[in-house]
């Protein structure tokens, strides 16, 4: 049953109900050992943090920064701040010094919590450039603090300021004053162009989102939920707190690169993720099929045929499968698909919300086929994540982003733009009055910048309006759909489509170097450098054939005519990726101008 208390109180109310039951499975920084924390411990630590913050002079609705990867201390800090009506501003752990400096100054942050050495070092370097910044508080006790730094302290020492709850009477007065209109968070969007802008998220938005989302995805206190995406991401933030409102247990994955191992060690029932995670699962399983013997391949392909018929042709459409198909599916599910799920650490799989980018129809269909309930959705930071999603137990269409959640009104505007109105939509951007005037229409609908349409109650997206390319021949190209269709190839790791004002579509491709090098060895191609590997004619011909096969679904004018393999990947350091790993097209076009022009030479 969902706890509907104000977030400032919710943890303490849940602790009364669940007591010594575990709420977190986590690892200390740098440790390989999983530990547990109870609801009672969670509540006690949140109170200590609230008291310590008051002892540092934190005021009502003051902005506090958290610059860290997922960690148990992060959640203590967030909820401790909620308890005294302060506002937390999360930073991606990979944020650059420039981003850090901009947001600290824009939000006038006085106290900044940081995670490990990398975050501390960046914070220390920008400290003198941020007039309001007074103190850095460090989660990881192993961080080396600079000798001349007199403004930093460890989180363990910070907690001592709140020991024995010296300001608890004030804390409880602030609990009583907590209201729906207070700002809970300001989330700065990473943005593919320009400076970040702070999205204001209020408690009323959170509460409306919790109520509406639970009707679509019935999470319960029996679920063990992997926190894979960073808490800075609105999708993970909203999802994690929703899970806490029903008493679920969270598995805090501190290091994203270790997610596969973490899944195998903890066996969660649910996890929110972006499509790239499932694309890699798809590629991995398909590769195993390709590398198996003819008999095993035939068995597996037959199982996929049964799984597709059962899950896609019947279940997704709300139809009851015939008895013969039901029996066939139960057999392949128990003997084959269950082994795949076990290999992934998902033998206890319940459901898996997925959003944040275009989901390839091929990948979505495959994941459902092998018996994993992927809940595809769509949302923005400005809508506190979910706008629409597949509603569990109701028919869904492969390729849609589901049905609108309760309370959201969707209007299709000019250029097929998706416009939104409802209790989960932001009141606006922090200190950006002019931008706020542009963001909402006269009827109060928010401009998403996404093109789409509604059909039979489901929302279908086309592409970002500003990302639609027009070739010199006057044809419109939707790059994200093309990119998503090619990312399912095992040899392609990253891709950026080039087409705007050009006579045909081309692409910059970062290959999976490991697999490409294996291919080269197997085919007697000399390995001298990645540059030579990417320029090799045989390698390029092999990839051209694979790309041509994958893009048969597109019209001739949408298909890639030329591509360039790059010897190094797109990176945040080069300004080519956002913190959420979305590509920054303008920067890529600038950094690879020479390579692009070469593709258009006669």
Protein backbone atom coordinates (compact mmCIF):
# COMPACT_ATOMS: atom_id res chain seq x y z
CA UNK A 1 0.00 0.00 0.00
CA UNK A 2 1.33 3.42 -0.95
CA UNK A 3 2.31 5.88 1.77
CA UNK A 4 0.86 9.26 0.78
CA UNK A 5 2.58 11.33 3.46
CA UNK A 6 4.53 14.44 2.46
CA UNK A 7 8.02 13.37 1.33
CA UNK A 8 9.48 15.24 4.34
CA UNK A 9 7.70 12.74 6.61
CA UNK A 10 7.32 9.68 4.42
CA UNK A 11 10.53 7.87 5.42
CA UNK A 12 9.76 8.23 9.13
CA UNK A 13 6.20 6.97 8.62
CA UNK A 14 7.51 3.99 6.65
CA UNK A 15 10.06 3.27 9.41
CA UNK A 16 7.20 2.96 11.92
CA UNK A 17 5.62 0.35 9.65
CA UNK A 18 8.68 -1.61 8.52
CA UNK A 19 11.17 -1.10 11.39
CA UNK A 20 14.14 -3.46 11.02
CA UNK A 21 13.15 -4.66 7.57
CA UNK A 22 15.79 -3.84 4.95
CA UNK A 23 15.31 -0.80 2.74
CA UNK A 24 18.74 -0.65 1.08
CA UNK A 25 21.21 -3.13 -0.35
CA UNK A 26 24.40 -1.19 -1.03
CA UNK A 27 28.19 -1.21 -1.11
CA UNK A 28 30.57 1.20 0.53
CA UNK A 29 32.82 3.20 -1.78
CA UNK A 30 35.46 0.90 -3.28
CA UNK A 31 34.07 -2.21 -1.56
CA UNK A 32 32.95 -5.43 -3.24
CA UNK A 33 30.78 -6.53 -0.31
CA UNK A 34 27.03 -5.89 -0.34
CA UNK A 35 25.55 -4.59 2.91
CA UNK A 36 22.03 -3.84 4.13
CA UNK A 37 20.36 -0.96 5.96
CA UNK A 38 16.94 -1.02 7.61
CA UNK A 39 14.07 1.44 7.46
CA UNK A 40 14.77 2.29 11.10
CA UNK A 41 18.41 3.16 10.27
CA UNK A 42 17.27 5.16 7.25
CA UNK A 43 14.89 7.24 9.38
CA UNK A 44 17.50 7.79 12.12
CA UNK A 45 20.16 8.93 9.66
CA UNK A 46 17.77 11.26 7.85
CA UNK A 47 16.94 12.93 11.17
CA UNK A 48 20.64 13.29 11.97
CA UNK A 49 21.27 14.90 8.56
CA UNK A 50 18.36 17.32 9.10
CA UNK A 51 19.76 18.33 12.49
CA UNK A 52 23.30 18.70 11.11
CA UNK A 53 22.04 20.90 8.27
CA UNK A 54 20.31 23.19 10.74
CA UNK A 55 23.57 23.42 12.69
CA UNK A 56 25.24 24.60 9.48
CA UNK A 57 22.62 27.31 9.16
CA UNK A 58 20.63 25.86 6.27
CA UNK A 59 17.45 27.90 5.74
CA UNK A 60 14.00 27.05 4.41
CA UNK A 61 14.12 26.63 0.58
CA UNK A 62 17.89 27.16 0.51
CA UNK A 63 19.62 25.39 -2.42
CA UNK A 64 22.01 22.56 -1.51
CA UNK A 65 24.15 20.78 -4.13
CA UNK A 66 24.86 17.04 -4.37
CA UNK A 67 27.68 16.13 -6.78
CA UNK A 68 28.02 12.36 -6.51
CA UNK A 69 27.24 8.99 -7.97
CA UNK A 70 24.51 6.87 -6.39
CA UNK A 71 25.33 6.13 -2.75
CA UNK A 72 23.50 5.56 0.51
CA UNK A 73 24.81 8.93 1.77
CA UNK A 74 23.15 10.60 -1.24
CA UNK A 75 19.71 9.38 -0.12
CA UNK A 76 20.36 10.39 3.50
CA UNK A 77 21.28 13.87 2.26
CA UNK A 78 18.28 14.22 -0.05
CA UNK A 79 15.71 13.20 2.55
CA UNK A 80 17.49 15.11 5.32
CA UNK A 81 17.12 18.25 3.21
CA UNK A 82 13.46 17.49 2.46
CA UNK A 83 12.90 17.24 6.23
CA UNK A 84 13.90 20.90 6.80
CA UNK A 85 12.27 22.24 3.60
CA UNK A 86 15.62 22.80 1.86
CA UNK A 87 16.04 22.26 -1.90
CA UNK A 88 18.50 19.72 -3.29
CA UNK A 89 20.18 20.28 -6.65
CA UNK A 90 21.74 17.10 -8.02
CA UNK A 91 24.77 17.11 -10.33
CA UNK A 92 25.80 14.26 -12.57
CA UNK A 93 28.92 12.62 -11.16
CA UNK A 94 30.52 13.12 -14.58
CA UNK A 95 29.78 16.86 -14.77
CA UNK A 96 32.63 19.07 -16.00
CA UNK A 97 34.15 21.86 -13.93
CA UNK A 98 32.45 24.39 -16.22
CA UNK A 99 29.02 22.81 -15.61
CA UNK A 100 29.69 22.61 -11.88
CA UNK A 101 30.74 26.26 -11.68
CA UNK A 102 27.78 27.45 -13.77
CA UNK A 103 25.15 25.65 -11.68
CA UNK A 104 26.68 26.53 -8.29
CA UNK A 105 26.69 30.21 -9.26
CA UNK A 106 23.28 30.14 -10.95
CA UNK A 107 21.64 28.49 -7.93
CA UNK A 108 23.85 30.32 -5.38
CA UNK A 109 24.76 27.09 -3.63
CA UNK A 110 26.47 27.49 -0.24
CA UNK A 111 26.94 23.82 0.73
CA UNK A 112 28.01 21.15 -1.75
CA UNK A 113 28.07 17.41 -1.01
CA UNK A 114 30.49 15.41 -3.17
CA UNK A 115 31.07 11.69 -3.68
CA UNK A 116 34.57 10.47 -4.46
CA UNK A 117 37.99 11.88 -5.34
CA UNK A 118 37.04 12.93 -8.88
CA UNK A 119 34.11 15.02 -7.68
CA UNK A 120 36.06 16.50 -4.77
CA UNK A 121 38.95 17.53 -7.04
CA UNK A 122 36.63 19.34 -9.46
CA UNK A 123 34.77 21.06 -6.62
CA UNK A 124 38.04 22.16 -5.01
CA UNK A 125 39.26 23.63 -8.29
CA UNK A 126 36.14 25.76 -8.85
CA UNK A 127 35.74 26.75 -5.18
CA UNK A 128 37.42 30.15 -5.57
CA UNK A 129 35.30 30.87 -8.67
CA UNK A 130 32.02 30.38 -6.80
CA UNK A 131 31.39 33.34 -4.42
CA UNK A 132 28.49 31.69 -2.56
CA UNK A 133 30.18 28.32 -1.97
CA UNK A 134 31.30 27.97 1.65
CA UNK A 135 31.64 24.28 2.39
CA UNK A 136 32.28 20.93 0.69
CA UNK A 137 31.10 17.76 2.45
CA UNK A 138 32.66 14.49 1.20
CA UNK A 139 30.86 11.13 1.21
CA UNK A 140 33.91 8.88 0.60
CA UNK A 141 36.20 8.80 3.62
CA UNK A 142 39.21 7.76 1.47
CA UNK A 143 39.25 11.06 -0.45
CA UNK A 144 42.52 13.00 -0.10
CA UNK A 145 41.72 16.56 0.95
CA UNK A 146 44.08 19.26 -0.25
CA UNK A 147 46.42 20.53 2.50
CA UNK A 148 45.33 24.14 2.05
CA UNK A 149 41.63 23.28 2.00
CA UNK A 150 40.04 24.52 5.24
CA UNK A 151 36.45 24.44 3.94
CA UNK A 152 35.89 20.70 3.45
CA UNK A 153 34.82 17.97 5.84
CA UNK A 154 33.89 14.32 5.61
CA UNK A 155 30.25 13.23 5.75
CA UNK A 156 30.99 11.14 8.84
CA UNK A 157 32.16 14.32 10.64
CA UNK A 158 29.19 16.26 9.30
CA UNK A 159 26.88 13.65 10.90
CA UNK A 160 28.45 14.41 14.29
CA UNK A 161 26.87 17.88 14.07
CA UNK A 162 23.47 16.17 14.23
CA UNK A 163 24.22 13.43 16.77
CA UNK A 164 21.67 13.12 19.56
CA UNK A 165 19.32 15.29 17.42
CA UNK A 166 20.03 18.66 19.12
CA UNK A 167 17.65 20.58 16.81
CA UNK A 168 14.88 17.97 16.55
CA UNK A 169 12.19 20.28 17.95
CA UNK A 170 12.92 22.72 15.08
CA UNK A 171 12.99 19.84 12.60
CA UNK A 172 9.53 18.71 13.69
CA UNK A 173 8.20 22.27 13.39
CA UNK A 174 9.50 22.31 9.82
CA UNK A 175 7.81 18.96 9.18
CA UNK A 176 4.54 20.55 10.25
CA UNK A 177 5.13 23.48 7.87
CA UNK A 178 5.97 21.26 4.88
CA UNK A 179 3.59 21.95 2.01
CA UNK A 180 2.89 20.94 -1.56
CA UNK A 181 4.04 24.26 -3.06
CA UNK A 182 7.58 24.02 -1.67
CA UNK A 183 10.33 23.31 -4.19
CA UNK A 184 11.80 19.85 -3.61
CA UNK A 185 14.50 19.86 -6.30
CA UNK A 186 15.90 21.94 -9.12
CA UNK A 187 17.20 19.61 -11.84
CA UNK A 188 19.48 21.21 -14.36
CA UNK A 189 18.99 19.63 -17.76
CA UNK A 190 22.21 18.65 -19.48
CA UNK A 191 20.99 20.01 -22.82
CA UNK A 192 22.42 19.30 -26.26
CA UNK A 193 22.97 23.02 -26.89
CA UNK A 194 23.64 26.02 -24.65
CA UNK A 195 23.83 26.37 -20.87
CA UNK A 196 21.90 24.08 -18.54
CA UNK A 197 18.57 25.34 -17.28
CA UNK A 198 17.13 24.48 -13.89
CA UNK A 199 13.77 22.70 -13.92
CA UNK A 200 11.75 23.41 -10.77
CA UNK A 201 10.17 20.30 -9.23
CA UNK A 202 7.66 20.78 -6.41
CA UNK A 203 6.28 18.31 -3.90
CA UNK A 204 2.85 18.56 -5.53
CA UNK A 205 4.40 17.28 -8.78
CA UNK A 206 5.98 14.34 -6.97
CA UNK A 207 2.78 13.37 -5.20
CA UNK A 208 0.71 13.56 -8.38
CA UNK A 209 3.35 11.48 -10.20
CA UNK A 210 3.45 8.82 -7.46
CA UNK A 211 -0.31 8.37 -7.50
CA UNK A 212 -0.58 8.25 -11.30
CA UNK A 213 2.44 6.00 -11.92
CA UNK A 214 1.44 3.39 -9.38
CA UNK A 215 -1.75 2.79 -11.37
CA UNK A 216 0.40 1.85 -14.39
CA UNK A 217 3.27 -0.05 -12.77
CA UNK A 218 2.14 -1.94 -9.65
CA UNK A 219 5.35 -1.96 -7.64
CA UNK A 220 4.98 -3.43 -4.11
CA UNK A 221 6.96 -3.91 -0.91
CA UNK A 222 7.92 -7.37 -2.18
CA UNK A 223 10.03 -5.90 -4.99
CA UNK A 224 13.81 -5.59 -4.97
CA UNK A 225 14.64 -2.62 -7.19
CA UNK A 226 18.01 -1.94 -8.83
CA UNK A 227 18.93 1.76 -8.97
CA UNK A 228 21.01 1.73 -12.15
CA UNK A 229 20.54 5.23 -13.58
CA UNK A 230 21.98 8.14 -11.59
CA UNK A 231 19.71 9.79 -9.01
CA UNK A 232 20.40 13.03 -10.86
CA UNK A 233 18.31 11.66 -13.75
CA UNK A 234 14.65 12.54 -13.20
CA UNK A 235 13.60 9.05 -14.33
CA UNK A 236 15.62 7.27 -11.61
CA UNK A 237 14.89 9.92 -8.99
CA UNK A 238 11.12 9.74 -9.44
CA UNK A 239 11.17 5.95 -9.77
CA UNK A 240 13.34 5.38 -6.67
CA UNK A 241 11.16 7.57 -4.45
CA UNK A 242 7.99 5.96 -5.87
CA UNK A 243 9.43 2.57 -4.86
CA UNK A 244 10.08 3.87 -1.33
CA UNK A 245 6.45 5.04 -1.01
CA UNK A 246 5.31 1.41 -1.28
CA UNK A 247 8.07 -0.05 0.91
CA UNK A 248 10.18 -1.70 -1.80
CA UNK A 249 13.89 -2.40 -1.22
CA UNK A 250 16.42 -0.43 -3.28
CA UNK A 251 19.71 -1.85 -4.53
CA UNK A 252 22.06 1.12 -4.83
CA UNK A 253 24.41 0.57 -7.77
CA UNK A 254 27.23 3.08 -7.28
CA UNK A 255 29.25 2.19 -10.37
CA UNK A 256 27.20 2.00 -13.61
CA UNK A 257 29.93 0.11 -15.49
CA UNK A 258 29.46 -2.79 -13.05
CA UNK A 259 25.71 -3.14 -13.62
CA UNK A 260 25.85 -6.63 -15.19
CA UNK A 261 27.79 -8.02 -12.23
CA UNK A 262 25.55 -6.19 -9.75
CA UNK A 263 22.45 -7.72 -11.34
CA UNK A 264 23.92 -11.24 -11.09
CA UNK A 265 24.86 -10.71 -7.45
CA UNK A 266 21.61 -9.15 -6.21
CA UNK A 267 18.86 -10.61 -8.49
CA UNK A 268 16.44 -7.64 -8.54
CA UNK A 269 12.83 -7.85 -9.66
CA UNK A 270 12.69 -4.39 -11.26
CA UNK A 271 14.99 -1.75 -12.72
CA UNK A 272 14.48 1.46 -14.66
CA UNK A 273 16.88 1.94 -17.54
CA UNK A 274 17.52 3.62 -20.86
CA UNK A 275 17.17 1.68 -24.15
CA UNK A 276 20.94 1.29 -24.59
CA UNK A 277 21.00 -1.27 -21.76
CA UNK A 278 18.49 -3.48 -23.56
CA UNK A 279 20.19 -2.92 -26.92
CA UNK A 280 23.33 -4.45 -25.42
CA UNK A 281 21.32 -7.38 -24.04
CA UNK A 282 19.81 -7.89 -27.51
CA UNK A 283 23.23 -7.76 -29.20
CA UNK A 284 24.75 -10.17 -26.66
CA UNK A 285 22.03 -12.79 -26.98
CA UNK A 286 21.92 -12.56 -30.78
CA UNK A 287 25.70 -12.99 -30.91
CA UNK A 288 25.47 -16.17 -28.84
CA UNK A 289 22.85 -17.51 -31.25
CA UNK A 290 25.03 -16.66 -34.25
CA UNK A 291 28.04 -18.40 -32.68
CA UNK A 292 26.19 -21.57 -31.71
CA UNK A 293 25.99 -24.76 -33.78
CA UNK A 294 23.27 -25.32 -36.39
CA UNK A 295 21.14 -27.55 -34.12
CA UNK A 296 21.21 -25.10 -31.19
CA UNK A 297 20.54 -22.20 -33.56
CA UNK A 298 17.50 -23.96 -34.97
CA UNK A 299 16.18 -24.71 -31.47
CA UNK A 300 16.67 -21.12 -30.36
CA UNK A 301 15.09 -19.60 -33.46
CA UNK A 302 12.08 -21.85 -33.00
CA UNK A 303 11.83 -20.73 -29.37
CA UNK A 304 11.94 -17.09 -30.50
CA UNK A 305 9.16 -17.80 -32.99
CA UNK A 306 7.00 -19.26 -30.19
CA UNK A 307 7.88 -16.44 -27.79
CA UNK A 308 7.06 -13.78 -30.37
CA UNK A 309 3.72 -15.37 -31.24
CA UNK A 310 2.78 -15.73 -27.58
CA UNK A 311 3.97 -12.36 -26.23
CA UNK A 312 3.55 -10.09 -29.25
CA UNK A 313 0.75 -11.52 -31.40
CA UNK A 314 -1.44 -12.45 -28.42
CA UNK A 315 -0.46 -11.01 -25.02
CA UNK A 316 0.49 -7.50 -26.24
CA UNK A 317 -2.90 -7.25 -27.95
CA UNK A 318 -4.82 -8.41 -24.90
CA UNK A 319 -5.76 -11.72 -26.53
CA UNK A 320 -5.76 -15.12 -24.81
CA UNK A 321 -3.26 -17.52 -26.45
CA UNK A 322 -4.60 -20.89 -27.65
CA UNK A 323 -3.89 -23.82 -25.31
CA UNK A 324 -1.33 -25.39 -27.67
CA UNK A 325 0.64 -22.13 -27.90
CA UNK A 326 0.36 -21.67 -24.13
CA UNK A 327 1.94 -25.08 -23.55
CA UNK A 328 4.66 -24.52 -26.17
CA UNK A 329 5.54 -21.18 -24.60
CA UNK A 330 5.63 -22.50 -21.04
CA UNK A 331 8.10 -25.16 -22.21
CA UNK A 332 10.53 -22.80 -24.02
CA UNK A 333 10.16 -20.25 -21.23
CA UNK A 334 11.20 -22.73 -18.55
CA UNK A 335 13.92 -24.46 -20.55
CA UNK A 336 15.50 -21.67 -22.59
CA UNK A 337 14.30 -18.15 -21.83
CA UNK A 338 14.71 -18.71 -18.09
CA UNK A 339 18.40 -19.50 -18.69
CA UNK A 340 18.87 -16.19 -20.51
CA UNK A 341 17.18 -14.29 -17.69
CA UNK A 342 19.31 -16.15 -15.13
CA UNK A 343 22.49 -15.28 -17.03
CA UNK A 344 21.43 -11.61 -16.82
CA UNK A 345 20.66 -11.88 -13.11
CA UNK A 346 16.96 -11.38 -13.87
CA UNK A 347 15.55 -14.76 -12.90
CA UNK A 348 13.16 -12.95 -10.52
CA UNK A 349 12.10 -10.45 -13.19
CA UNK A 350 8.89 -8.53 -12.57
CA UNK A 351 8.90 -5.49 -14.90
CA UNK A 352 11.39 -2.96 -16.27
CA UNK A 353 10.46 0.65 -17.05
CA UNK A 354 12.48 1.94 -20.02
CA UNK A 355 12.67 5.50 -21.38
CA UNK A 356 15.07 8.34 -22.10
CA UNK A 357 15.64 7.73 -25.81
CA UNK A 358 14.10 6.12 -28.88
CA UNK A 359 13.47 2.39 -28.33
CA UNK A 360 14.13 0.26 -31.39
CA UNK A 361 11.03 -1.79 -32.26
CA UNK A 362 13.28 -4.78 -32.94
CA UNK A 363 14.82 -4.58 -29.47
CA UNK A 364 11.47 -4.00 -27.73
CA UNK A 365 9.92 -6.98 -29.48
CA UNK A 366 12.90 -9.22 -28.66
CA UNK A 367 12.91 -8.35 -24.94
CA UNK A 368 9.20 -9.13 -24.66
CA UNK A 369 9.70 -12.31 -26.70
CA UNK A 370 12.15 -13.77 -24.14
CA UNK A 371 9.70 -13.09 -21.31
CA UNK A 372 10.95 -9.79 -19.88
CA UNK A 373 8.20 -7.25 -19.32
CA UNK A 374 9.71 -4.01 -20.66
CA UNK A 375 7.46 -1.04 -19.81
CA UNK A 376 8.26 1.51 -22.50
CA UNK A 377 7.52 5.13 -21.65
CA UNK A 378 8.17 8.75 -22.46
CA UNK A 379 8.84 11.73 -20.26
CA UNK A 380 10.92 14.79 -19.57
CA UNK A 381 12.56 16.42 -16.59
CA UNK A 382 9.85 19.10 -16.94
CA UNK A 383 7.09 16.49 -16.51
CA UNK A 384 8.79 14.78 -13.55
CA UNK A 385 9.54 11.82 -15.79
CA UNK A 386 6.49 9.91 -16.99
CA UNK A 387 4.13 11.45 -19.53
CA UNK A 388 3.01 8.12 -20.95
CA UNK A 389 3.93 4.46 -20.60
CA UNK A 390 2.68 0.95 -21.26
CA UNK A 391 0.08 0.22 -18.59
CA UNK A 392 0.69 -3.19 -17.10
CA UNK A 393 -2.09 -5.61 -17.90
CA UNK A 394 -3.40 -3.53 -20.80
CA UNK A 395 -2.71 -3.99 -24.54
CA UNK A 396 0.32 -2.15 -25.90
CA UNK A 397 1.75 -1.54 -29.36
CA UNK A 398 5.40 -2.13 -30.23
CA UNK A 399 6.73 1.27 -31.31
CA UNK A 400 4.44 3.39 -29.15
CA UNK A 401 5.47 5.07 -25.90
CA UNK A 402 2.33 3.95 -24.14
CA UNK A 403 -0.79 5.64 -22.85
CA UNK A 404 -0.82 8.96 -20.96
CA UNK A 405 -0.72 8.61 -17.18
CA UNK A 406 -3.71 9.85 -15.20
CA UNK A 407 -3.94 13.65 -14.97
CA UNK A 408 -1.86 14.42 -18.08
CA UNK A 409 -3.57 16.22 -20.94
CA UNK A 410 -1.81 15.87 -24.30
CA UNK A 411 -2.48 18.22 -27.19
CA UNK A 412 -0.85 17.93 -30.61
CA UNK A 413 0.17 21.40 -31.77
CA UNK A 414 1.86 23.01 -34.73
CA UNK A 415 4.41 20.78 -36.52
CA UNK A 416 2.85 17.86 -34.61
CA UNK A 417 4.49 19.07 -31.40
CA UNK A 418 3.43 17.22 -28.24
CA UNK A 419 2.05 19.76 -25.73
CA UNK A 420 1.44 18.87 -22.08
CA UNK A 421 -0.67 20.09 -19.20
CA UNK A 422 -1.30 18.57 -15.79
CA UNK A 423 -0.28 18.35 -12.13
CA UNK A 424 3.10 16.72 -12.86
CA UNK A 425 4.30 19.52 -15.19
CA UNK A 426 6.88 22.00 -13.87
CA UNK A 427 5.93 25.53 -12.96
CA UNK A 428 8.93 26.66 -14.98
CA UNK A 429 12.69 27.14 -15.14
CA UNK A 430 14.64 28.63 -12.26
CA UNK A 431 15.25 32.38 -12.76
CA UNK A 432 14.41 32.17 -16.49
CA UNK A 433 11.36 34.40 -16.94
CA UNK A 434 11.80 34.90 -20.69
CA UNK A 435 12.31 31.19 -21.29
CA UNK A 436 9.20 30.42 -19.23
CA UNK A 437 7.10 32.69 -21.45
CA UNK A 438 8.25 30.72 -24.48
CA UNK A 439 7.84 27.31 -22.83
CA UNK A 440 4.07 27.54 -22.26
CA UNK A 441 1.28 28.45 -24.68
CA UNK A 442 -1.66 30.74 -23.91
CA UNK A 443 -3.67 27.81 -22.52
CA UNK A 444 -0.87 26.76 -20.17
CA UNK A 445 0.35 23.80 -22.22
CA UNK A 446 4.08 23.07 -22.06
CA UNK A 447 6.03 22.84 -25.34
CA UNK A 448 8.02 19.57 -25.32
CA UNK A 449 9.87 20.05 -28.62
CA UNK A 450 8.95 16.45 -29.54
CA UNK A 451 6.81 15.63 -32.57
CA UNK A 452 4.23 12.89 -32.22
CA UNK A 453 0.65 11.73 -32.60
CA UNK A 454 -2.05 9.86 -30.68
CA UNK A 455 -3.62 6.68 -32.06
CA UNK A 456 -6.15 4.51 -30.21
CA UNK A 457 -5.15 6.14 -26.93
CA UNK A 458 -1.41 5.51 -27.33
CA UNK A 459 1.27 8.12 -27.98
CA UNK A 460 3.72 7.65 -30.84
CA UNK A 461 6.78 9.87 -31.19
CA UNK A 462 8.37 10.93 -34.46
CA UNK A 463 11.49 12.85 -33.48
CA UNK A 464 12.75 16.00 -31.84
CA UNK A 465 11.36 18.87 -33.93
CA UNK A 466 14.66 20.72 -33.89
CA UNK A 467 16.44 17.48 -34.87
CA UNK A 468 14.40 16.93 -38.03
CA UNK A 469 16.74 17.34 -40.96
CA UNK A 470 15.78 18.60 -44.39
CA UNK A 471 18.02 17.40 -47.20
CA UNK A 472 18.92 19.65 -50.12
CA UNK A 473 16.33 17.65 -52.06
CA UNK A 474 13.58 18.84 -49.70
CA UNK A 475 13.06 15.50 -47.94
CA UNK A 476 12.69 15.37 -44.14
CA UNK A 477 14.87 12.93 -42.17
CA UNK A 478 14.33 11.78 -38.55
CA UNK A 479 17.90 10.96 -37.41
CA UNK A 480 17.10 9.35 -34.07
CA UNK A 481 14.98 6.62 -35.66
CA UNK A 482 17.78 5.77 -38.11
CA UNK A 483 20.40 5.81 -35.34
CA UNK A 484 18.31 3.53 -33.10
CA UNK A 485 17.82 1.02 -35.92
CA UNK A 486 21.59 0.72 -36.47
CA UNK A 487 22.64 0.58 -32.81
CA UNK A 488 21.30 -2.96 -32.65
CA UNK A 489 24.28 -4.07 -34.74
CA UNK A 490 27.01 -5.58 -32.59
CA UNK A 491 29.76 -3.77 -34.48
CA UNK A 492 28.26 -0.29 -33.93
CA UNK A 493 28.76 1.38 -30.56
CA UNK A 494 27.86 5.02 -31.32
CA UNK A 495 26.43 6.78 -34.36
CA UNK A 496 25.61 10.30 -35.48
CA UNK A 497 23.53 10.92 -38.62
CA UNK A 498 24.46 13.80 -40.95
CA UNK A 499 21.80 15.03 -43.38
CA UNK A 500 20.67 18.62 -42.79
CA UNK A 501 20.90 20.64 -46.04
CA UNK A 502 22.92 17.82 -47.56
CA UNK A 503 22.10 15.94 -50.77
CA UNK A 504 22.05 12.53 -49.02
CA UNK A 505 22.28 10.92 -45.57
CA UNK A 506 25.70 10.04 -44.17
CA UNK A 507 26.91 8.92 -40.75
CA UNK A 508 29.79 9.16 -38.30
CA UNK A 509 30.16 5.73 -36.69
CA UNK A 510 32.15 4.66 -33.65
CA UNK A 511 32.60 0.90 -33.98
CA UNK A 512 32.82 -1.65 -31.19
CA UNK A 513 36.60 -1.84 -31.41
CA UNK A 514 36.89 -5.11 -29.49
CA UNK A 515 34.56 -7.00 -31.84
CA UNK A 516 36.00 -5.30 -34.91
CA UNK A 517 39.51 -6.34 -33.90
CA UNK A 518 38.29 -9.91 -33.43
CA UNK A 519 36.78 -9.80 -36.92
CA UNK A 520 40.05 -8.48 -38.33
CA UNK A 521 42.07 -11.30 -36.73
CA UNK A 522 39.62 -13.95 -37.98
CA UNK A 523 39.84 -12.56 -41.51
CA UNK A 524 43.58 -12.03 -41.71
CA UNK A 525 43.42 -8.24 -41.60
CA UNK A 526 46.57 -6.66 -40.19
CA UNK A 527 46.07 -4.83 -36.89
CA UNK A 528 48.49 -1.89 -36.77
CA UNK A 529 46.25 0.85 -35.32
CA UNK A 530 42.59 1.76 -34.87
CA UNK A 531 42.97 4.41 -37.54
CA UNK A 532 44.11 1.82 -40.09
CA UNK A 533 41.43 -0.62 -38.90
CA UNK A 534 38.69 1.98 -39.46
CA UNK A 535 40.06 2.84 -42.91
CA UNK A 536 40.36 -0.79 -44.05
CA UNK A 537 38.35 -1.46 -47.22
CA UNK A 538 37.30 -4.98 -46.21
CA UNK A 539 36.09 -3.77 -42.80
CA UNK A 540 34.08 -0.95 -44.39
CA UNK A 541 32.53 -3.28 -46.97
CA UNK A 542 31.48 -5.72 -44.24
CA UNK A 543 29.82 -2.91 -42.27
CA UNK A 544 28.17 -1.48 -45.38
CA UNK A 545 26.47 -4.82 -46.04
CA UNK A 546 25.23 -5.00 -42.43
CA UNK A 547 23.99 -1.38 -42.53
CA UNK A 548 22.22 -1.95 -45.86
CA UNK A 549 20.39 -4.92 -44.35
CA UNK A 550 19.31 -2.96 -41.25
CA UNK A 551 18.06 0.09 -43.14
CA UNK A 552 15.82 -1.73 -45.63
CA UNK A 553 12.81 -0.48 -43.63
CA UNK A 554 13.60 3.14 -44.56
CA UNK A 555 12.80 4.98 -47.76
CA UNK A 556 15.70 5.37 -50.19
CA UNK A 557 16.21 9.06 -49.28
CA UNK A 558 16.44 8.12 -45.56
CA UNK A 559 19.13 5.49 -46.04
CA UNK A 560 22.81 6.09 -45.26
CA UNK A 561 24.76 6.37 -48.48
CA UNK A 562 28.22 6.94 -46.98
CA UNK A 563 29.73 6.59 -43.54
CA UNK A 564 33.03 7.18 -41.76
CA UNK A 565 34.39 4.88 -39.04
CA UNK A 566 36.10 6.86 -36.29
CA UNK A 567 39.16 5.63 -34.37
CA UNK A 568 37.96 7.17 -31.08
CA UNK A 569 34.58 7.38 -29.38
CA UNK A 570 32.34 10.38 -28.76
CA UNK A 571 33.06 11.77 -25.29
CA UNK A 572 31.84 14.20 -22.67
CA UNK A 573 35.36 15.58 -22.32
CA UNK A 574 35.30 16.72 -25.96
CA UNK A 575 31.85 18.25 -25.45
CA UNK A 576 30.29 15.67 -27.78
CA UNK A 577 27.96 14.00 -25.25
CA UNK A 578 25.64 15.29 -22.55
CA UNK A 579 25.77 13.82 -19.03
CA UNK A 580 22.95 11.50 -20.08
CA UNK A 581 25.08 10.38 -23.05
CA UNK A 582 22.93 12.04 -25.70
CA UNK A 583 24.98 13.24 -28.66
CA UNK A 584 25.57 16.96 -29.13
CA UNK A 585 25.22 17.23 -32.91
CA UNK A 586 26.59 20.77 -33.33
CA UNK A 587 29.80 19.85 -31.50
CA UNK A 588 30.21 16.59 -33.42
CA UNK A 589 29.69 18.41 -36.72
CA UNK A 590 32.33 20.93 -35.67
CA UNK A 591 34.85 18.36 -34.39
CA UNK A 592 34.48 16.15 -37.46
CA UNK A 593 33.93 18.82 -40.12
CA UNK A 594 36.79 17.49 -42.26
CA UNK A 595 35.50 13.91 -42.17
CA UNK A 596 31.97 15.07 -42.99
CA UNK A 597 33.03 17.19 -45.95
CA UNK A 598 35.05 14.29 -47.34
CA UNK A 599 31.89 12.13 -47.43
CA UNK A 600 30.24 14.68 -49.72
CA UNK A 601 33.10 15.05 -52.16
CA UNK A 602 32.21 13.98 -55.71
